[in-house]
Amino acid sequence: MKRAVLVFVLACAGLPAQTVPLATELPSQPFFIKSTWYVGGTGNWDYLTMDPQAGRLYIAHGVTMQVVDIDSGALVGEITGFYEARQVALDDTGQFGFVSDGGQGKVVVFDRQTLKKVAEIDTGANPRSLVFDTLTKLLFVVRANPPENAPSAAASHPRAPSREGPPAEITTESKVTVIDTQSDEAIGEITLPGLLGFAVADQNDEIYVAVTDRDEVYRFDAEAVATLVHQQPESGKRPAPGSATAAKTAESWAALDWTGGAHATEPAEGRLRVYNLRPDCSDPRSLAMDNAHLRLFAACNNRKLVVLNTGTGDRVTALPIGPGVDAVGYDVEHGLIFTANGGAEGSLTIVRQDVTDSYAVIQTLPTRQRASTLAVDPTTGSVYLVTDYLGVNLDRPGGIGTLEQTPVKGSFQVLRVSN
C-alpha cells in the first residue's frame, strides 16, 4: 500500500532550509499570527486584495479567484475558469471587480455582490498587475513580456530568484493596456522600455510602475493618458492579432510608444518620469503608496526597502528587510509598512513611520515559507498572508536531495497577523 504524502518537517540535506528568522527589537505590542484559516484550493497564487468596507479578502489563486470573509475566516465564494489568476482590482463604486488572467490574456470583470462574471476583455499577452484610477475610471493593465531566454525573464514570476551581477543591456519592452471600465473596452496601449512589474496609483491620479530589470520606477499621469487615447478618431475594442481589422489598429486603438526608439509615436519626455532606485535597490518586486506624505515604498529583492519622495523622485532612506520579498503594504491609519518575505524561510518585516521621514524596523515576525504576498486592512491593522504546506511522497524513487516536494492537498491557508 502506498503511503500518503507527508508534510516534510525533517531537516534533510539538499532541501530548502526550514529555519526561521530571529525577531528584532519588538514594539510594546508585538505582532503575531493570530489566526490560520484553511480555505483549500490548488495551484500557485499571486496577489491579495483587501476590501475593508465589505470585510472581504480576494485571492488570485491559480484557476480560481477566492473570496474570504475576514470576520469568520470562511471561504464565502469563488470564481473559476481562469488559466492563471494574478491580481484583483476593485472599482470605487463597490459594484465591480477585475481579475487579470495571465494565461488567457484577459481581464475578467465580475459583480462583487453575486460573484458572477459580467465581461471578459482581451488585453494581449501576459497581464498581471492592475491599477484602477478613480478620476478617469480607467484600468491600467501591466503586461511584462520578457524575450525568451533573456537574463531578466525570471523576474516576471512572482517567486523567481533574484538576479545576480550588474543589470544586463536592456532590450526588453513591456505593455500597459488601458481599459475604459465604463464600457468594458480596451481603448489603448502604452509601450514602455524594460520589464514592468507591480503598479500602484496615488490620490493625484499618478500611476507608478516598478521596472524590475532596470531598478527604476516609471511615473505617468492617468488623466494625460485618457486625453491621448481619446484623441484617436475612433474608440473601440482592440482587434484580434492577425484579424482582418488588425491593419486598422491606428484608427481604433490608441497605440502610444514611449520607448524613445525610432518607431515611438509619442515623446517620452514630458509624458514619463523615471525614478532611479540604485544603488540601494536591485529587482524591485512591489510598491506601496503613502498619499499623505507623498512617499513611495519599493520592496526590493536584495533585502532592501527603499523610500522615495514621489514629488522629486529623491531617495529618502533604505531599510533592511527579509529575503524573498514579493509584496509590501502600507497601513495609513497606524503608520506601519509591512513586507512579506516568503521566498526564503518566511518572515514579515514591520517598519514604523514615526514622522514623515523617520523610519525604523521594529519587528521581524517569523511566518511560513512561501508566504510572500500580503494585504493590509487599515480599519483593524491586521495583515493577511497566504501559503501552503509542502510534502514529499516517500514512495517515489530518489534519495536525499532528490525528493520531489509537492503542495499538501487542502493545506492552502490564510494567515491573519495582528497585535
Protein backbone atom coordinates (compact mmCIF):
# COMPACT_ATOMS: atom_id res chain seq x y z
CA MET A 1 0.00 0.00 0.00
CA LYS A 2 1.32 3.40 -0.91
CA ARG A 3 2.00 5.81 1.86
CA ALA A 4 0.21 9.16 1.89
CA VAL A 5 2.06 12.33 1.08
CA LEU A 6 3.55 13.61 4.31
CA VAL A 7 4.36 17.11 5.42
CA PHE A 8 8.12 17.23 5.32
CA VAL A 9 9.45 18.55 8.60
CA LEU A 10 12.78 16.80 8.86
CA ALA A 11 15.97 18.67 8.07
CA CYS A 12 17.48 16.88 5.10
CA ALA A 13 20.49 17.88 3.08
CA GLY A 14 19.69 19.16 -0.36
CA LEU A 15 16.22 20.55 0.54
CA PRO A 16 15.48 24.22 1.32
CA ALA A 17 16.30 25.22 4.86
CA GLN A 18 13.32 25.27 7.25
CA THR A 19 14.87 27.74 9.68
CA VAL A 20 13.00 30.79 10.91
CA PRO A 21 14.47 34.28 11.32
CA LEU A 22 15.24 35.78 14.70
CA ALA A 23 12.98 38.58 15.85
CA THR A 24 14.37 42.09 16.12
CA GLU A 25 13.59 44.56 18.90
CA LEU A 26 9.85 44.28 19.48
CA PRO A 27 7.34 47.08 19.98
CA SER A 28 5.31 47.17 23.18
CA GLN A 29 2.59 45.15 21.44
CA PRO A 30 4.35 42.81 19.00
CA PHE A 31 2.58 41.30 16.02
CA PHE A 32 1.94 37.57 15.86
CA ILE A 33 -0.01 35.06 13.77
CA LYS A 34 -3.39 35.32 15.41
CA SER A 35 -5.42 33.01 13.16
CA THR A 36 -4.89 30.39 10.48
CA TRP A 37 -7.78 29.71 8.11
CA TYR A 38 -7.64 26.71 5.76
CA VAL A 39 -9.53 27.63 2.60
CA GLY A 40 -8.30 24.91 0.24
CA GLY A 41 -7.76 25.16 -3.47
CA THR A 42 -4.89 24.11 -5.70
CA GLY A 43 -2.19 25.70 -7.78
CA ASN A 44 0.08 28.68 -7.39
CA TRP A 45 -1.13 32.03 -6.13
CA ASP A 46 -0.32 35.65 -6.70
CA TYR A 47 -1.52 38.97 -5.24
CA LEU A 48 -4.05 39.57 -2.46
CA THR A 49 -6.58 42.43 -2.45
CA MET A 50 -8.43 43.78 0.59
CA ASP A 51 -11.93 45.29 0.56
CA PRO A 52 -12.13 46.72 4.11
CA GLN A 53 -15.65 48.11 3.66
CA ALA A 54 -17.09 44.72 2.72
CA GLY A 55 -14.76 42.79 5.04
CA ARG A 56 -13.51 40.59 2.21
CA LEU A 57 -10.13 39.33 1.11
CA TYR A 58 -9.70 38.48 -2.59
CA ILE A 59 -7.08 35.88 -3.50
CA ALA A 60 -5.80 35.31 -7.05
CA HIS A 61 -5.23 31.58 -6.74
CA GLY A 62 -4.40 29.58 -9.85
CA VAL A 63 -7.55 28.70 -11.79
CA THR A 64 -9.78 30.43 -9.24
CA MET A 65 -10.32 33.76 -7.55
CA GLN A 66 -11.26 33.08 -3.93
CA VAL A 67 -13.16 35.36 -1.56
CA VAL A 68 -12.64 35.05 2.21
CA ASP A 69 -14.76 36.71 4.90
CA ILE A 70 -12.22 38.29 7.26
CA ASP A 71 -14.59 38.21 10.24
CA SER A 72 -15.16 34.45 10.16
CA GLY A 73 -12.24 33.24 8.06
CA ALA A 74 -14.67 31.31 5.87
CA LEU A 75 -14.44 30.93 2.12
CA VAL A 76 -17.64 32.71 1.02
CA GLY A 77 -17.30 32.30 -2.71
CA GLU A 78 -15.06 31.91 -5.71
CA ILE A 79 -14.94 32.44 -9.44
CA THR A 80 -13.49 29.63 -11.52
CA GLY A 81 -12.38 29.18 -15.11
CA PHE A 82 -9.13 31.12 -15.07
CA TYR A 83 -5.95 29.85 -16.61
CA GLU A 84 -3.79 31.79 -14.14
CA ALA A 85 -5.43 34.44 -11.96
CA ARG A 86 -2.85 37.06 -10.98
CA GLN A 87 -4.40 40.12 -9.36
CA VAL A 88 -7.76 41.56 -8.35
CA ALA A 89 -8.57 45.28 -8.59
CA LEU A 90 -11.73 46.93 -7.26
CA ASP A 91 -13.62 49.94 -8.60
CA ASP A 92 -14.72 52.84 -6.41
CA THR A 93 -18.45 52.08 -6.58
CA GLY A 94 -18.40 48.84 -4.62
CA GLN A 95 -20.07 47.08 -7.55
CA PHE A 96 -17.39 45.63 -9.81
CA GLY A 97 -14.02 43.94 -9.59
CA PHE A 98 -11.41 42.97 -12.17
CA VAL A 99 -9.16 39.91 -12.38
CA SER A 100 -6.11 39.61 -14.64
CA ASP A 101 -5.80 36.18 -16.26
CA GLY A 102 -2.21 35.82 -17.36
CA GLY A 103 -2.59 32.64 -19.37
CA GLN A 104 -5.58 33.75 -21.42
CA GLY A 105 -4.55 37.37 -21.99
CA LYS A 106 -7.75 38.74 -20.50
CA VAL A 107 -9.22 40.81 -17.71
CA VAL A 108 -12.41 39.35 -16.24
CA VAL A 109 -14.99 41.79 -14.86
CA PHE A 110 -17.17 40.44 -12.03
CA ASP A 111 -20.05 41.59 -9.85
CA ARG A 112 -18.84 41.88 -6.26
CA GLN A 113 -22.24 41.06 -4.79
CA THR A 114 -23.09 37.96 -6.84
CA LEU A 115 -19.51 36.91 -7.74
CA LYS A 116 -20.66 36.36 -11.32
CA LYS A 117 -18.59 37.20 -14.39
CA VAL A 118 -20.11 40.08 -16.35
CA ALA A 119 -17.47 40.65 -19.07
CA GLU A 120 -14.15 39.45 -20.45
CA ILE A 121 -11.78 41.94 -22.07
CA ASP A 122 -8.87 40.93 -24.28
CA THR A 123 -5.66 42.66 -23.19
CA GLY A 124 -2.86 40.97 -25.10
CA ALA A 125 -0.36 38.54 -23.65
CA ASN A 126 0.61 38.15 -20.02
CA PRO A 127 -1.49 40.65 -18.00
CA ARG A 128 -0.59 40.75 -14.32
CA SER A 129 -0.66 43.92 -12.21
CA LEU A 130 -3.83 46.06 -12.26
CA VAL A 131 -4.43 49.67 -11.21
CA PHE A 132 -7.89 51.29 -11.18
CA ASP A 133 -7.84 55.10 -11.42
CA THR A 134 -10.80 56.75 -9.68
CA LEU A 135 -10.74 60.01 -11.65
CA THR A 136 -10.62 58.67 -15.21
CA LYS A 137 -12.30 55.32 -14.46
CA LEU A 138 -9.51 53.69 -16.44
CA LEU A 139 -7.97 50.34 -15.58
CA PHE A 140 -4.26 50.07 -16.32
CA VAL A 141 -3.15 46.50 -17.04
CA VAL A 142 0.60 45.90 -16.80
CA ARG A 143 1.89 43.25 -19.20
CA ALA A 144 5.54 42.25 -18.90
CA ASN A 145 6.70 40.31 -21.94
CA PRO A 146 10.36 39.37 -21.50
CA PRO A 147 12.07 37.85 -24.54
CA GLU A 148 12.60 34.13 -24.25
CA ASN A 149 15.93 33.20 -22.62
CA ALA A 150 16.55 36.83 -21.62
CA PRO A 151 18.62 37.20 -18.40
CA SER A 152 15.79 39.08 -16.69
CA ALA A 153 12.91 36.89 -17.84
CA ALA A 154 12.70 35.14 -14.48
CA ALA A 155 11.70 38.38 -12.82
CA SER A 156 8.21 38.10 -14.33
CA HIS A 157 7.44 35.23 -11.98
CA PRO A 158 6.20 36.22 -8.52
CA ARG A 159 8.60 33.96 -6.70
CA ALA A 160 11.57 33.90 -9.05
CA PRO A 161 15.12 34.07 -7.64
CA SER A 162 17.00 37.34 -7.53
CA ARG A 163 19.23 38.42 -10.38
CA GLU A 164 22.95 38.31 -9.78
CA GLY A 165 25.55 40.72 -11.10
CA PRO A 166 25.08 44.07 -12.84
CA PRO A 167 21.96 44.66 -14.96
CA ALA A 168 22.19 43.30 -18.48
CA GLU A 169 21.82 45.51 -21.54
CA ILE A 170 18.14 46.38 -21.81
CA THR A 171 16.29 45.29 -24.95
CA THR A 172 13.00 44.31 -23.32
CA GLU A 173 9.77 46.18 -23.93
CA SER A 174 6.53 45.83 -21.97
CA LYS A 175 2.95 46.96 -22.50
CA VAL A 176 0.30 48.67 -20.42
CA THR A 177 -3.21 48.07 -21.75
CA VAL A 178 -5.71 50.83 -20.99
CA ILE A 179 -9.32 49.73 -20.33
CA ASP A 180 -12.36 52.00 -20.10
CA THR A 181 -14.32 50.44 -17.24
CA GLN A 182 -17.49 52.33 -18.19
CA SER A 183 -17.73 50.48 -21.50
CA ASP A 184 -15.59 47.43 -20.59
CA GLU A 185 -13.44 48.03 -23.67
CA ALA A 186 -9.69 48.15 -24.16
CA ILE A 187 -9.07 51.55 -25.73
CA GLY A 188 -5.32 51.88 -25.85
CA GLU A 189 -1.88 50.53 -25.15
CA ILE A 190 1.37 52.09 -23.94
CA THR A 191 4.70 50.52 -24.90
CA LEU A 192 7.47 51.13 -22.38
CA PRO A 193 11.11 50.02 -22.20
CA GLY A 194 12.13 47.40 -19.66
CA LEU A 195 10.43 44.57 -17.79
CA LEU A 196 7.46 46.05 -15.93
CA GLY A 197 6.24 44.67 -12.61
CA PHE A 198 3.89 45.82 -9.86
CA ALA A 199 1.98 49.10 -10.17
CA VAL A 200 0.13 51.47 -7.82
CA ALA A 201 -1.68 54.81 -8.11
CA ASP A 202 -1.70 57.82 -5.82
CA GLN A 203 -4.56 60.17 -4.94
CA ASN A 204 -3.45 62.60 -7.64
CA ASP A 205 -4.08 60.06 -10.43
CA GLU A 206 -0.39 59.38 -10.99
CA ILE A 207 0.49 55.78 -11.88
CA TYR A 208 3.76 54.23 -10.65
CA VAL A 209 5.17 51.03 -12.17
CA ALA A 210 8.23 49.08 -10.98
CA VAL A 211 10.76 48.28 -13.72
CA THR A 212 12.36 45.11 -12.44
CA ASP A 213 15.30 44.81 -14.82
CA ARG A 214 16.26 48.49 -14.69
CA ASP A 215 15.87 49.05 -10.94
CA GLU A 216 13.62 52.01 -11.66
CA VAL A 217 10.07 53.26 -11.20
CA TYR A 218 8.08 54.84 -14.02
CA ARG A 219 5.55 57.54 -13.26
CA PHE A 220 2.87 58.83 -15.65
CA ASP A 221 -0.38 60.76 -15.37
CA ALA A 222 -3.64 58.83 -15.81
CA GLU A 223 -5.59 61.88 -16.94
CA ALA A 224 -2.98 62.71 -19.58
CA VAL A 225 -3.20 59.15 -20.89
CA ALA A 226 -7.00 59.42 -21.00
CA THR A 227 -6.70 62.56 -23.10
CA LEU A 228 -4.24 60.94 -25.50
CA VAL A 229 -6.23 57.76 -26.08
CA HIS A 230 -9.47 59.67 -26.61
CA GLN A 231 -7.84 61.87 -29.24
CA GLN A 232 -7.98 58.93 -31.64
CA PRO A 233 -10.59 59.24 -34.44
CA GLU A 234 -12.40 56.15 -33.17
CA SER A 235 -12.55 54.22 -29.92
CA GLY A 236 -13.26 50.52 -29.84
CA LYS A 237 -12.16 47.05 -28.94
CA ARG A 238 -8.67 46.00 -29.79
CA PRO A 239 -8.64 43.86 -32.97
CA ALA A 240 -7.52 40.27 -32.52
CA PRO A 241 -3.95 39.60 -33.70
CA GLY A 242 -3.96 38.53 -37.33
CA SER A 243 -7.59 39.51 -37.88
CA ALA A 244 -8.83 41.37 -40.95
CA THR A 245 -9.21 44.51 -38.88
CA ALA A 246 -5.75 44.40 -37.37
CA ALA A 247 -4.40 46.70 -40.07
CA LYS A 248 -6.79 49.40 -38.86
CA THR A 249 -5.32 49.48 -35.37
CA ALA A 250 -4.22 53.10 -35.76
CA GLU A 251 -7.86 54.12 -36.31
CA SER A 252 -9.49 52.23 -33.47
CA TRP A 253 -6.72 51.53 -30.97
CA ALA A 254 -4.59 54.21 -29.35
CA ALA A 255 -1.04 52.88 -29.53
CA LEU A 256 1.33 55.05 -27.51
CA ASP A 257 5.00 54.17 -27.91
CA TRP A 258 7.09 55.73 -25.13
CA THR A 259 10.21 53.68 -25.68
CA GLY A 260 12.09 56.57 -27.27
CA GLY A 261 13.01 54.42 -30.28
CA ALA A 262 12.69 55.16 -33.97
CA HIS A 263 9.06 53.99 -34.01
CA ALA A 264 7.97 55.96 -30.97
CA THR A 265 4.60 57.62 -31.53
CA GLU A 266 4.78 59.91 -28.51
CA PRO A 267 7.84 61.52 -26.97
CA ALA A 268 8.56 60.03 -23.56
CA GLU A 269 9.87 63.38 -22.39
CA GLY A 270 7.10 65.20 -20.58
CA ARG A 271 4.93 62.08 -20.51
CA LEU A 272 7.06 59.76 -18.42
CA ARG A 273 9.15 60.40 -15.32
CA VAL A 274 11.83 57.90 -14.34
CA TYR A 275 12.91 57.40 -10.71
CA ASN A 276 16.19 55.57 -10.20
CA LEU A 277 16.31 53.14 -7.25
CA ARG A 278 20.03 52.36 -7.47
CA PRO A 279 22.32 51.72 -5.70
CA ASP A 280 20.03 50.65 -2.84
CA CYS A 281 17.56 48.53 -4.80
CA SER A 282 18.02 45.57 -7.09
CA ASP A 283 14.96 43.97 -8.68
CA PRO A 284 12.00 45.96 -7.23
CA ARG A 285 9.18 43.49 -6.61
CA SER A 286 6.34 45.55 -5.17
CA LEU A 287 5.23 49.11 -4.43
CA ALA A 288 3.03 50.81 -1.83
CA MET A 289 1.94 54.42 -1.52
CA ASP A 290 1.74 56.89 1.36
CA ASN A 291 -0.52 59.57 -0.10
CA ALA A 292 -0.49 61.86 2.92
CA HIS A 293 3.29 62.33 2.85
CA LEU A 294 3.92 61.74 -0.88
CA ARG A 295 6.14 58.76 -0.23
CA LEU A 296 6.56 55.59 -2.31
CA PHE A 297 7.81 52.33 -0.78
CA ALA A 298 9.68 49.93 -3.08
CA ALA A 299 10.37 46.43 -1.79
CA CYS A 300 13.44 45.00 -3.50
CA ASN A 301 14.82 41.52 -3.88
CA ASN A 302 18.23 42.42 -2.44
CA ARG A 303 16.68 42.69 1.05
CA LYS A 304 16.05 46.43 0.89
CA LEU A 305 13.02 48.66 1.31
CA VAL A 306 13.58 52.00 -0.46
CA VAL A 307 11.54 55.10 0.37
CA LEU A 308 11.17 57.71 -2.39
CA ASN A 309 9.78 61.23 -2.45
CA THR A 310 7.14 60.98 -5.19
CA GLY A 311 7.30 64.67 -5.98
CA THR A 312 11.01 64.78 -6.72
CA GLY A 313 11.98 61.13 -7.08
CA ASP A 314 14.69 61.61 -4.46
CA ARG A 315 15.67 58.74 -2.21
CA VAL A 316 14.63 59.32 1.40
CA THR A 317 16.08 56.22 3.04
CA ALA A 318 16.67 52.48 2.64
CA LEU A 319 15.97 49.86 5.30
CA PRO A 320 16.82 46.17 5.66
CA ILE A 321 14.08 43.58 5.08
CA GLY A 322 13.99 39.81 4.82
CA PRO A 323 14.94 37.67 1.82
CA GLY A 324 12.48 36.64 -0.86
CA VAL A 325 10.15 39.65 -0.74
CA ASP A 326 7.23 39.83 -3.15
CA ALA A 327 4.78 42.28 -1.56
CA VAL A 328 4.74 45.47 0.50
CA GLY A 329 1.75 47.11 2.18
CA TYR A 330 1.20 50.40 3.99
CA ASP A 331 -1.18 50.92 6.91
CA VAL A 332 -2.13 54.58 6.68
CA GLU A 333 -4.06 54.56 9.97
CA HIS A 334 -1.17 53.24 12.06
CA GLY A 335 1.89 54.44 10.13
CA LEU A 336 3.30 50.96 9.51
CA ILE A 337 4.90 49.36 6.45
CA PHE A 338 4.90 45.57 6.02
CA THR A 339 6.94 43.42 3.64
CA ALA A 340 6.13 39.75 3.04
CA ASN A 341 9.41 37.86 2.69
CA GLY A 342 8.19 34.38 1.84
CA GLY A 343 10.55 33.38 -0.90
CA ALA A 344 13.09 32.08 1.61
CA GLU A 345 12.40 30.99 5.21
CA GLY A 346 9.28 33.13 5.58
CA SER A 347 9.09 36.37 7.54
CA LEU A 348 7.19 39.64 7.82
CA THR A 349 9.26 42.80 8.24
CA ILE A 350 7.43 45.59 10.09
CA VAL A 351 8.64 49.18 9.71
CA ARG A 352 7.33 52.06 11.81
CA GLN A 353 6.92 55.55 10.36
CA ASP A 354 7.27 57.96 13.29
CA VAL A 355 7.16 61.19 11.28
CA THR A 356 7.30 61.84 7.56
CA ASP A 357 10.90 60.79 7.04
CA SER A 358 11.74 58.81 10.16
CA TYR A 359 11.58 55.04 9.71
CA ALA A 360 12.76 52.07 11.77
CA VAL A 361 12.41 48.30 11.56
CA ILE A 362 10.56 47.39 14.76
CA GLN A 363 9.90 43.68 14.27
CA THR A 364 10.77 40.70 12.12
CA LEU A 365 7.99 38.17 12.57
CA PRO A 366 8.61 34.56 11.52
CA THR A 367 5.72 33.48 9.27
CA ARG A 368 5.85 30.50 6.93
CA GLN A 369 7.77 29.54 3.85
CA ARG A 370 6.17 30.83 0.59
CA ALA A 371 4.02 33.42 2.43
CA SER A 372 5.20 36.09 0.02
CA THR A 373 2.10 38.19 -0.78
CA LEU A 374 0.00 40.25 1.62
CA ALA A 375 -2.91 42.62 2.07
CA VAL A 376 -3.41 45.17 4.86
CA ASP A 377 -6.74 46.06 6.47
CA PRO A 378 -6.31 49.68 7.60
CA THR A 379 -9.51 49.62 9.65
CA THR A 380 -8.20 46.96 12.05
CA GLY A 381 -4.45 46.99 11.42
CA SER A 382 -4.49 43.28 10.56
CA VAL A 383 -2.25 41.87 7.84
CA TYR A 384 -3.19 38.84 5.72
CA LEU A 385 -0.81 36.42 4.01
CA VAL A 386 -1.37 33.09 2.25
CA THR A 387 0.73 29.96 1.92
CA ASP A 388 0.53 26.17 1.97
CA TYR A 389 2.50 23.18 3.23
CA LEU A 390 4.96 21.23 1.12
CA GLY A 391 5.24 17.47 1.43
CA VAL A 392 7.14 14.62 -0.18
CA ASN A 393 5.98 11.24 -1.39
CA LEU A 394 8.39 8.76 0.20
CA ASP A 395 7.29 6.01 -2.18
CA ARG A 396 8.76 7.88 -5.14
CA PRO A 397 12.28 6.78 -6.14
CA GLY A 398 15.08 9.05 -5.12
CA GLY A 399 17.45 9.74 -2.32
CA ILE A 400 18.30 12.65 -0.11
CA GLY A 401 18.33 15.83 -2.18
CA THR A 402 16.19 14.38 -4.98
CA LEU A 403 12.84 14.00 -3.20
CA GLU A 404 10.14 15.90 -5.04
CA GLN A 405 8.24 18.42 -2.94
CA THR A 406 4.58 18.98 -3.72
CA PRO A 407 1.83 21.05 -2.03
CA VAL A 408 -0.17 19.08 0.53
CA LYS A 409 -3.79 18.82 -0.60
CA GLY A 410 -6.11 21.05 1.41
CA SER A 411 -3.26 22.94 3.10
CA PHE A 412 -3.73 26.32 1.37
CA GLN A 413 -4.28 28.79 4.18
CA VAL A 414 -4.74 32.42 5.14
CA LEU A 415 -2.62 33.79 7.98
CA ARG A 416 -4.07 36.69 9.94
CA VAL A 417 -1.36 38.73 11.64
CA SER A 418 -2.27 41.26 14.31
CA ASN A 419 -1.11 42.66 17.65
